[in-house]
Amino acid sequence: MKTQIKPETLADYINLKYPITLYPEADGGYTVMLADLPGCLSQGDTLEEAVANIQEAKVAWIETAWECGDEIPLPQT
């Protein structure tokens, strides 16, 4: 089992690699989420746009949690 070192700074958390889950939508486009960050999801018309949007959402999620003093979960995989 791999042991993770707890990040110390906001930048450390932002640089963590969280697994992305992609859901193709029936009418086109994608919904994307980071399961390790509850409520962190986004959408995009193309795969590239969806991935870029979830990265922006990840940064916003982590920055908000950091500023509020909330726990930031580490990636599970």
PDB file of N, CA and C in Angstrom:
ATOM      1  N   MET A   1       0.851  -1.190   0.000  1.00  0.00           N
ATOM      2  CA  MET A   1       0.000   0.000   0.000  1.00  0.00           C
ATOM      3  C   MET A   1       0.888   1.240   0.000  1.00  0.00           C
ATOM      4  N   LYS A   2       0.588   2.164  -0.896  1.00  0.00           N
ATOM      5  CA  LYS A   2       1.369   3.377  -1.026  1.00  0.00           C
ATOM      6  C   LYS A   2       0.902   4.407  -0.004  1.00  0.00           C
ATOM      7  N   THR A   3       1.843   4.994   0.710  1.00  0.00           N
ATOM      8  CA  THR A   3       1.515   6.017   1.690  1.00  0.00           C
ATOM      9  C   THR A   3       1.661   7.383   1.052  1.00  0.00           C
ATOM     10  N   GLN A   4       0.637   8.219   1.202  1.00  0.00           N
ATOM     11  CA  GLN A   4       0.705   9.564   0.663  1.00  0.00           C
ATOM     12  C   GLN A   4       1.115  10.529   1.756  1.00  0.00           C
ATOM     13  N   ILE A   5       1.963  11.474   1.390  1.00  0.00           N
ATOM     14  CA  ILE A   5       2.344  12.536   2.303  1.00  0.00           C
ATOM     15  C   ILE A   5       1.295  13.637   2.180  1.00  0.00           C
ATOM     16  N   LYS A   6       0.833  14.121   3.318  1.00  0.00           N
ATOM     17  CA  LYS A   6      -0.208  15.157   3.299  1.00  0.00           C
ATOM     18  C   LYS A   6       0.369  16.451   2.729  1.00  0.00           C
ATOM     19  N   PRO A   7      -0.311  17.007   1.738  1.00  0.00           N
ATOM     20  CA  PRO A   7       0.150  18.280   1.172  1.00  0.00           C
ATOM     21  C   PRO A   7       0.153  19.376   2.234  1.00  0.00           C
ATOM     22  N   GLU A   8       1.059  20.338   2.073  1.00  0.00           N
ATOM     23  CA  GLU A   8       1.187  21.397   3.074  1.00  0.00           C
ATOM     24  C   GLU A   8       0.677  22.748   2.604  1.00  0.00           C
ATOM     25  N   THR A   9       0.700  22.984   1.289  1.00  0.00           N
ATOM     26  CA  THR A   9       0.300  24.290   0.778  1.00  0.00           C
ATOM     27  C   THR A   9      -0.874  24.153  -0.183  1.00  0.00           C
ATOM     28  N   LEU A  10      -1.496  25.285  -0.477  1.00  0.00           N
ATOM     29  CA  LEU A  10      -2.590  25.301  -1.449  1.00  0.00           C
ATOM     30  C   LEU A  10      -2.091  24.786  -2.799  1.00  0.00           C
ATOM     31  N   ALA A  11      -0.917  25.212  -3.211  1.00  0.00           N
ATOM     32  CA  ALA A  11      -0.364  24.759  -4.490  1.00  0.00           C
ATOM     33  C   ALA A  11      -0.151  23.244  -4.495  1.00  0.00           C
ATOM     34  N   ASP A  12       0.270  22.684  -3.358  1.00  0.00           N
ATOM     35  CA  ASP A  12       0.444  21.223  -3.268  1.00  0.00           C
ATOM     36  C   ASP A  12      -0.875  20.511  -3.558  1.00  0.00           C
ATOM     37  N   TYR A  13      -1.960  21.008  -2.975  1.00  0.00           N
ATOM     38  CA  TYR A  13      -3.268  20.385  -3.206  1.00  0.00           C
ATOM     39  C   TYR A  13      -3.697  20.547  -4.660  1.00  0.00           C
ATOM     40  N   ILE A  14      -3.508  21.731  -5.223  1.00  0.00           N
ATOM     41  CA  ILE A  14      -3.918  21.978  -6.602  1.00  0.00           C
ATOM     42  C   ILE A  14      -3.153  21.075  -7.567  1.00  0.00           C
ATOM     43  N   ASN A  15      -1.910  20.747  -7.240  1.00  0.00           N
ATOM     44  CA  ASN A  15      -1.085  19.911  -8.119  1.00  0.00           C
ATOM     45  C   ASN A  15      -1.365  18.415  -8.001  1.00  0.00           C
ATOM     46  N   LEU A  16      -2.208  18.012  -7.040  1.00  0.00           N
ATOM     47  CA  LEU A  16      -2.555  16.595  -6.932  1.00  0.00           C
ATOM     48  C   LEU A  16      -3.333  16.160  -8.168  1.00  0.00           C
ATOM     49  N   LYS A  17      -3.119  14.917  -8.573  1.00  0.00           N
ATOM     50  CA  LYS A  17      -3.807  14.363  -9.745  1.00  0.00           C
ATOM     51  C   LYS A  17      -5.007  13.545  -9.285  1.00  0.00           C
ATOM     52  N   TYR A  18      -6.199  14.078  -9.499  1.00  0.00           N
ATOM     53  CA  TYR A  18      -7.436  13.388  -9.142  1.00  0.00           C
ATOM     54  C   TYR A  18      -7.981  12.665 -10.368  1.00  0.00           C
ATOM     55  N   PRO A  19      -8.468  11.423 -10.198  1.00  0.00           N
ATOM     56  CA  PRO A  19      -9.057  10.722 -11.340  1.00  0.00           C
ATOM     57  C   PRO A  19     -10.346  11.415 -11.807  1.00  0.00           C
ATOM     58  N   ILE A  20     -10.482  11.487 -13.122  1.00  0.00           N
ATOM     59  CA  ILE A  20     -11.637  12.134 -13.746  1.00  0.00           C
ATOM     60  C   ILE A  20     -12.588  11.055 -14.258  1.00  0.00           C
ATOM     61  N   THR A  21     -13.878  11.241 -14.005  1.00  0.00           N
ATOM     62  CA  THR A  21     -14.900  10.358 -14.561  1.00  0.00           C
ATOM     63  C   THR A  21     -15.654  11.137 -15.628  1.00  0.00           C
ATOM     64  N   LEU A  22     -15.732  10.562 -16.822  1.00  0.00           N
ATOM     65  CA  LEU A  22     -16.407  11.195 -17.958  1.00  0.00           C
ATOM     66  C   LEU A  22     -17.711  10.475 -18.265  1.00  0.00           C
ATOM     67  N   TYR A  23     -18.757  11.242 -18.490  1.00  0.00           N
ATOM     68  CA  TYR A  23     -20.053  10.688 -18.875  1.00  0.00           C
ATOM     69  C   TYR A  23     -20.498  11.327 -20.181  1.00  0.00           C
ATOM     70  N   PRO A  24     -20.475  10.576 -21.297  1.00  0.00           N
ATOM     71  CA  PRO A  24     -20.999  11.133 -22.551  1.00  0.00           C
ATOM     72  C   PRO A  24     -22.504  11.383 -22.409  1.00  0.00           C
ATOM     73  N   GLU A  25     -22.958  12.524 -22.904  1.00  0.00           N
ATOM     74  CA  GLU A  25     -24.377  12.868 -22.842  1.00  0.00           C
ATOM     75  C   GLU A  25     -25.073  12.430 -24.136  1.00  0.00           C
ATOM     76  N   ALA A  26     -26.312  11.997 -24.029  1.00  0.00           N
ATOM     77  CA  ALA A  26     -27.073  11.496 -25.182  1.00  0.00           C
ATOM     78  C   ALA A  26     -27.214  12.550 -26.274  1.00  0.00           C
ATOM     79  N   ASP A  27     -27.341  13.817 -25.889  1.00  0.00           N
ATOM     80  CA  ASP A  27     -27.517  14.894 -26.869  1.00  0.00           C
ATOM     81  C   ASP A  27     -26.197  15.558 -27.261  1.00  0.00           C
ATOM     82  N   GLY A  28     -25.080  14.933 -26.881  1.00  0.00           N
ATOM     83  CA  GLY A  28     -23.767  15.474 -27.213  1.00  0.00           C
ATOM     84  C   GLY A  28     -23.096  16.096 -26.008  1.00  0.00           C
ATOM     85  N   GLY A  29     -21.795  16.167 -26.060  1.00  0.00           N
ATOM     86  CA  GLY A  29     -21.052  16.754 -24.962  1.00  0.00           C
ATOM     87  C   GLY A  29     -20.788  15.740 -23.859  1.00  0.00           C
ATOM     88  N   TYR A  30     -20.170  16.227 -22.809  1.00  0.00           N
ATOM     89  CA  TYR A  30     -19.761  15.368 -21.700  1.00  0.00           C
ATOM     90  C   TYR A  30     -20.019  16.055 -20.372  1.00  0.00           C
ATOM     91  N   THR A  31     -20.365  15.260 -19.380  1.00  0.00           N
ATOM     92  CA  THR A  31     -20.352  15.691 -17.988  1.00  0.00           C
ATOM     93  C   THR A  31     -19.140  15.020 -17.373  1.00  0.00           C
ATOM     94  N   VAL A  32     -18.396  15.769 -16.582  1.00  0.00           N
ATOM     95  CA  VAL A  32     -17.188  15.244 -15.947  1.00  0.00           C
ATOM     96  C   VAL A  32     -17.241  15.527 -14.454  1.00  0.00           C
ATOM     97  N   MET A  33     -16.639  14.618 -13.678  1.00  0.00           N
ATOM     98  CA  MET A  33     -16.626  14.822 -12.234  1.00  0.00           C
ATOM     99  C   MET A  33     -15.357  14.273 -11.618  1.00  0.00           C
ATOM    100  N   LEU A  34     -15.048  14.797 -10.450  1.00  0.00           N
ATOM    101  CA  LEU A  34     -13.964  14.280  -9.626  1.00  0.00           C
ATOM    102  C   LEU A  34     -14.631  13.682  -8.391  1.00  0.00           C
ATOM    103  N   ALA A  35     -14.742  12.372  -8.359  1.00  0.00           N
ATOM    104  CA  ALA A  35     -15.469  11.696  -7.285  1.00  0.00           C
ATOM    105  C   ALA A  35     -14.855  11.967  -5.911  1.00  0.00           C
ATOM    106  N   ASP A  36     -13.538  12.200  -5.869  1.00  0.00           N
ATOM    107  CA  ASP A  36     -12.872  12.430  -4.587  1.00  0.00           C
ATOM    108  C   ASP A  36     -13.174  13.811  -3.997  1.00  0.00           C
ATOM    109  N   LEU A  37     -13.688  14.720  -4.818  1.00  0.00           N
ATOM    110  CA  LEU A  37     -14.053  16.067  -4.359  1.00  0.00           C
ATOM    111  C   LEU A  37     -15.559  16.217  -4.512  1.00  0.00           C
ATOM    112  N   PRO A  38     -16.320  15.962  -3.448  1.00  0.00           N
ATOM    113  CA  PRO A  38     -17.786  15.947  -3.533  1.00  0.00           C
ATOM    114  C   PRO A  38     -18.354  17.226  -4.162  1.00  0.00           C
ATOM    115  N   GLY A  39     -19.189  17.021  -5.179  1.00  0.00           N
ATOM    116  CA  GLY A  39     -19.839  18.132  -5.847  1.00  0.00           C
ATOM    117  C   GLY A  39     -18.999  18.801  -6.915  1.00  0.00           C
ATOM    118  N   CYS A  40     -17.788  18.319  -7.147  1.00  0.00           N
ATOM    119  CA  CYS A  40     -16.908  18.919  -8.157  1.00  0.00           C
ATOM    120  C   CYS A  40     -17.224  18.290  -9.502  1.00  0.00           C
ATOM    121  N   LEU A  41     -17.987  19.023 -10.320  1.00  0.00           N
ATOM    122  CA  LEU A  41     -18.335  18.524 -11.637  1.00  0.00           C
ATOM    123  C   LEU A  41     -18.437  19.668 -12.613  1.00  0.00           C
ATOM    124  N   SER A  42     -18.392  19.330 -13.877  1.00  0.00           N
ATOM    125  CA  SER A  42     -18.465  20.326 -14.937  1.00  0.00           C
ATOM    126  C   SER A  42     -18.971  19.646 -16.198  1.00  0.00           C
ATOM    127  N   GLN A  43     -19.015  20.411 -17.288  1.00  0.00           N
ATOM    128  CA  GLN A  43     -19.476  19.897 -18.579  1.00  0.00           C
ATOM    129  C   GLN A  43     -18.638  20.505 -19.684  1.00  0.00           C
ATOM    130  N   GLY A  44     -18.724  19.928 -20.864  1.00  0.00           N
ATOM    131  CA  GLY A  44     -18.077  20.484 -22.038  1.00  0.00           C
ATOM    132  C   GLY A  44     -18.669  19.890 -23.294  1.00  0.00           C
ATOM    133  N   ASP A  45     -18.623  20.658 -24.367  1.00  0.00           N
ATOM    134  CA  ASP A  45     -19.150  20.179 -25.646  1.00  0.00           C
ATOM    135  C   ASP A  45     -18.238  19.130 -26.279  1.00  0.00           C
ATOM    136  N   THR A  46     -16.933  19.254 -26.017  1.00  0.00           N
ATOM    137  CA  THR A  46     -15.964  18.289 -26.536  1.00  0.00           C
ATOM    138  C   THR A  46     -15.221  17.671 -25.356  1.00  0.00           C
ATOM    139  N   LEU A  47     -14.542  16.572 -25.613  1.00  0.00           N
ATOM    140  CA  LEU A  47     -13.749  15.931 -24.572  1.00  0.00           C
ATOM    141  C   LEU A  47     -12.701  16.896 -24.030  1.00  0.00           C
ATOM    142  N   GLU A  48     -12.017  17.609 -24.914  1.00  0.00           N
ATOM    143  CA  GLU A  48     -10.976  18.545 -24.499  1.00  0.00           C
ATOM    144  C   GLU A  48     -11.548  19.664 -23.626  1.00  0.00           C
ATOM    145  N   GLU A  49     -12.697  20.198 -24.039  1.00  0.00           N
ATOM    146  CA  GLU A  49     -13.332  21.269 -23.269  1.00  0.00           C
ATOM    147  C   GLU A  49     -13.773  20.764 -21.903  1.00  0.00           C
ATOM    148  N   ALA A  50     -14.332  19.568 -21.856  1.00  0.00           N
ATOM    149  CA  ALA A  50     -14.792  18.999 -20.588  1.00  0.00           C
ATOM    150  C   ALA A  50     -13.615  18.813 -19.626  1.00  0.00           C
ATOM    151  N   VAL A  51     -12.490  18.310 -20.119  1.00  0.00           N
ATOM    152  CA  VAL A  51     -11.318  18.094 -19.262  1.00  0.00           C
ATOM    153  C   VAL A  51     -10.768  19.439 -18.776  1.00  0.00           C
ATOM    154  N   ALA A  52     -10.705  20.430 -19.671  1.00  0.00           N
ATOM    155  CA  ALA A  52     -10.239  21.762 -19.260  1.00  0.00           C
ATOM    156  C   ALA A  52     -11.170  22.357 -18.213  1.00  0.00           C
ATOM    157  N   ASN A  53     -12.472  22.199 -18.402  1.00  0.00           N
ATOM    158  CA  ASN A  53     -13.445  22.756 -17.460  1.00  0.00           C
ATOM    159  C   ASN A  53     -13.365  22.088 -16.093  1.00  0.00           C
ATOM    160  N   ILE A  54     -13.135  20.773 -16.052  1.00  0.00           N
ATOM    161  CA  ILE A  54     -13.058  20.102 -14.746  1.00  0.00           C
ATOM    162  C   ILE A  54     -11.783  20.509 -14.028  1.00  0.00           C
ATOM    163  N   GLN A  55     -10.726  20.817 -14.762  1.00  0.00           N
ATOM    164  CA  GLN A  55      -9.502  21.293 -14.107  1.00  0.00           C
ATOM    165  C   GLN A  55      -9.744  22.655 -13.451  1.00  0.00           C
ATOM    166  N   GLU A  56     -10.479  23.527 -14.141  1.00  0.00           N
ATOM    167  CA  GLU A  56     -10.834  24.825 -13.557  1.00  0.00           C
ATOM    168  C   GLU A  56     -11.725  24.629 -12.330  1.00  0.00           C
ATOM    169  N   ALA A  57     -12.676  23.717 -12.429  1.00  0.00           N
ATOM    170  CA  ALA A  57     -13.571  23.448 -11.298  1.00  0.00           C
ATOM    171  C   ALA A  57     -12.792  22.883 -10.114  1.00  0.00           C
ATOM    172  N   LYS A  58     -11.797  22.024 -10.385  1.00  0.00           N
ATOM    173  CA  LYS A  58     -10.964  21.451  -9.320  1.00  0.00           C
ATOM    174  C   LYS A  58     -10.241  22.555  -8.566  1.00  0.00           C
ATOM    175  N   VAL A  59      -9.633  23.470  -9.301  1.00  0.00           N
ATOM    176  CA  VAL A  59      -8.903  24.571  -8.656  1.00  0.00           C
ATOM    177  C   VAL A  59      -9.853  25.405  -7.802  1.00  0.00           C
ATOM    178  N   ALA A  60     -11.018  25.744  -8.337  1.00  0.00           N
ATOM    179  CA  ALA A  60     -11.994  26.540  -7.580  1.00  0.00           C
ATOM    180  C   ALA A  60     -12.459  25.788  -6.334  1.00  0.00           C
ATOM    181  N   TRP A  61     -12.710  24.486  -6.466  1.00  0.00           N
ATOM    182  CA  TRP A  61     -13.168  23.666  -5.336  1.00  0.00           C
ATOM    183  C   TRP A  61     -12.109  23.676  -4.237  1.00  0.00           C
ATOM    184  N   ILE A  62     -10.868  23.408  -4.620  1.00  0.00           N
ATOM    185  CA  ILE A  62      -9.783  23.315  -3.637  1.00  0.00           C
ATOM    186  C   ILE A  62      -9.516  24.680  -2.996  1.00  0.00           C
ATOM    187  N   GLU A  63      -9.503  25.744  -3.801  1.00  0.00           N
ATOM    188  CA  GLU A  63      -9.271  27.087  -3.247  1.00  0.00           C
ATOM    189  C   GLU A  63     -10.353  27.455  -2.237  1.00  0.00           C
ATOM    190  N   THR A  64     -11.596  27.146  -2.558  1.00  0.00           N
ATOM    191  CA  THR A  64     -12.704  27.453  -1.647  1.00  0.00           C
ATOM    192  C   THR A  64     -12.585  26.658  -0.354  1.00  0.00           C
ATOM    193  N   ALA A  65     -12.309  25.363  -0.460  1.00  0.00           N
ATOM    194  CA  ALA A  65     -12.151  24.529   0.736  1.00  0.00           C
ATOM    195  C   ALA A  65     -10.983  25.033   1.586  1.00  0.00           C
ATOM    196  N   TRP A  66      -9.877  25.392   0.945  1.00  0.00           N
ATOM    197  CA  TRP A  66      -8.687  25.889   1.648  1.00  0.00           C
ATOM    198  C   TRP A  66      -9.034  27.165   2.429  1.00  0.00           C
ATOM    199  N   GLU A  67      -9.704  28.107   1.743  1.00  0.00           N
ATOM    200  CA  GLU A  67     -10.054  29.383   2.370  1.00  0.00           C
ATOM    201  C   GLU A  67     -11.029  29.208   3.524  1.00  0.00           C
ATOM    202  N   CYS A  68     -11.898  28.203   3.442  1.00  0.00           N
ATOM    203  CA  CYS A  68     -12.890  27.961   4.495  1.00  0.00           C
ATOM    204  C   CYS A  68     -12.353  27.066   5.610  1.00  0.00           C
ATOM    205  N   GLY A  69     -11.148  26.539   5.423  1.00  0.00           N
ATOM    206  CA  GLY A  69     -10.578  25.642   6.426  1.00  0.00           C
ATOM    207  C   GLY A  69     -11.177  24.250   6.399  1.00  0.00           C
ATOM    208  N   ASP A  70     -11.828  23.892   5.286  1.00  0.00           N
ATOM    209  CA  ASP A  70     -12.441  22.567   5.167  1.00  0.00           C
ATOM    210  C   ASP A  70     -11.380  21.530   4.801  1.00  0.00           C
ATOM    211  N   GLU A  71     -11.669  20.280   5.122  1.00  0.00           N
ATOM    212  CA  GLU A  71     -10.766  19.199   4.754  1.00  0.00           C
ATOM    213  C   GLU A  71     -10.787  19.009   3.239  1.00  0.00           C
ATOM    214  N   ILE A  72      -9.613  18.803   2.659  1.00  0.00           N
ATOM    215  CA  ILE A  72      -9.491  18.537   1.234  1.00  0.00           C
ATOM    216  C   ILE A  72      -9.078  17.073   1.092  1.00  0.00           C
ATOM    217  N   PRO A  73      -9.969  16.245   0.556  1.00  0.00           N
ATOM    218  CA  PRO A  73      -9.640  14.812   0.420  1.00  0.00           C
ATOM    219  C   PRO A  73      -8.483  14.600  -0.538  1.00  0.00           C
ATOM    220  N   LEU A  74      -7.673  13.582  -0.251  1.00  0.00           N
ATOM    221  CA  LEU A  74      -6.603  13.190  -1.145  1.00  0.00           C
ATOM    222  C   LEU A  74      -7.176  12.260  -2.214  1.00  0.00           C
ATOM    223  N   PRO A  75      -6.548  12.209  -3.381  1.00  0.00           N
ATOM    224  CA  PRO A  75      -7.026  11.282  -4.419  1.00  0.00           C
ATOM    225  C   PRO A  75      -6.958   9.842  -3.912  1.00  0.00           C
ATOM    226  N   GLN A  76      -7.961   9.037  -4.242  1.00  0.00           N
ATOM    227  CA  GLN A  76      -8.025   7.663  -3.758  1.00  0.00           C
ATOM    228  C   GLN A  76      -7.249   6.689  -4.633  1.00  0.00           C
ATOM    229  N   THR A  77      -6.958   7.075  -5.883  1.00  0.00           N
ATOM    230  CA  THR A  77      -6.229   6.171  -6.765  1.00  0.00           C
ATOM    231  C   THR A  77      -5.009   6.834  -7.328  1.00  0.00           C
TER     232      THR A  77
END
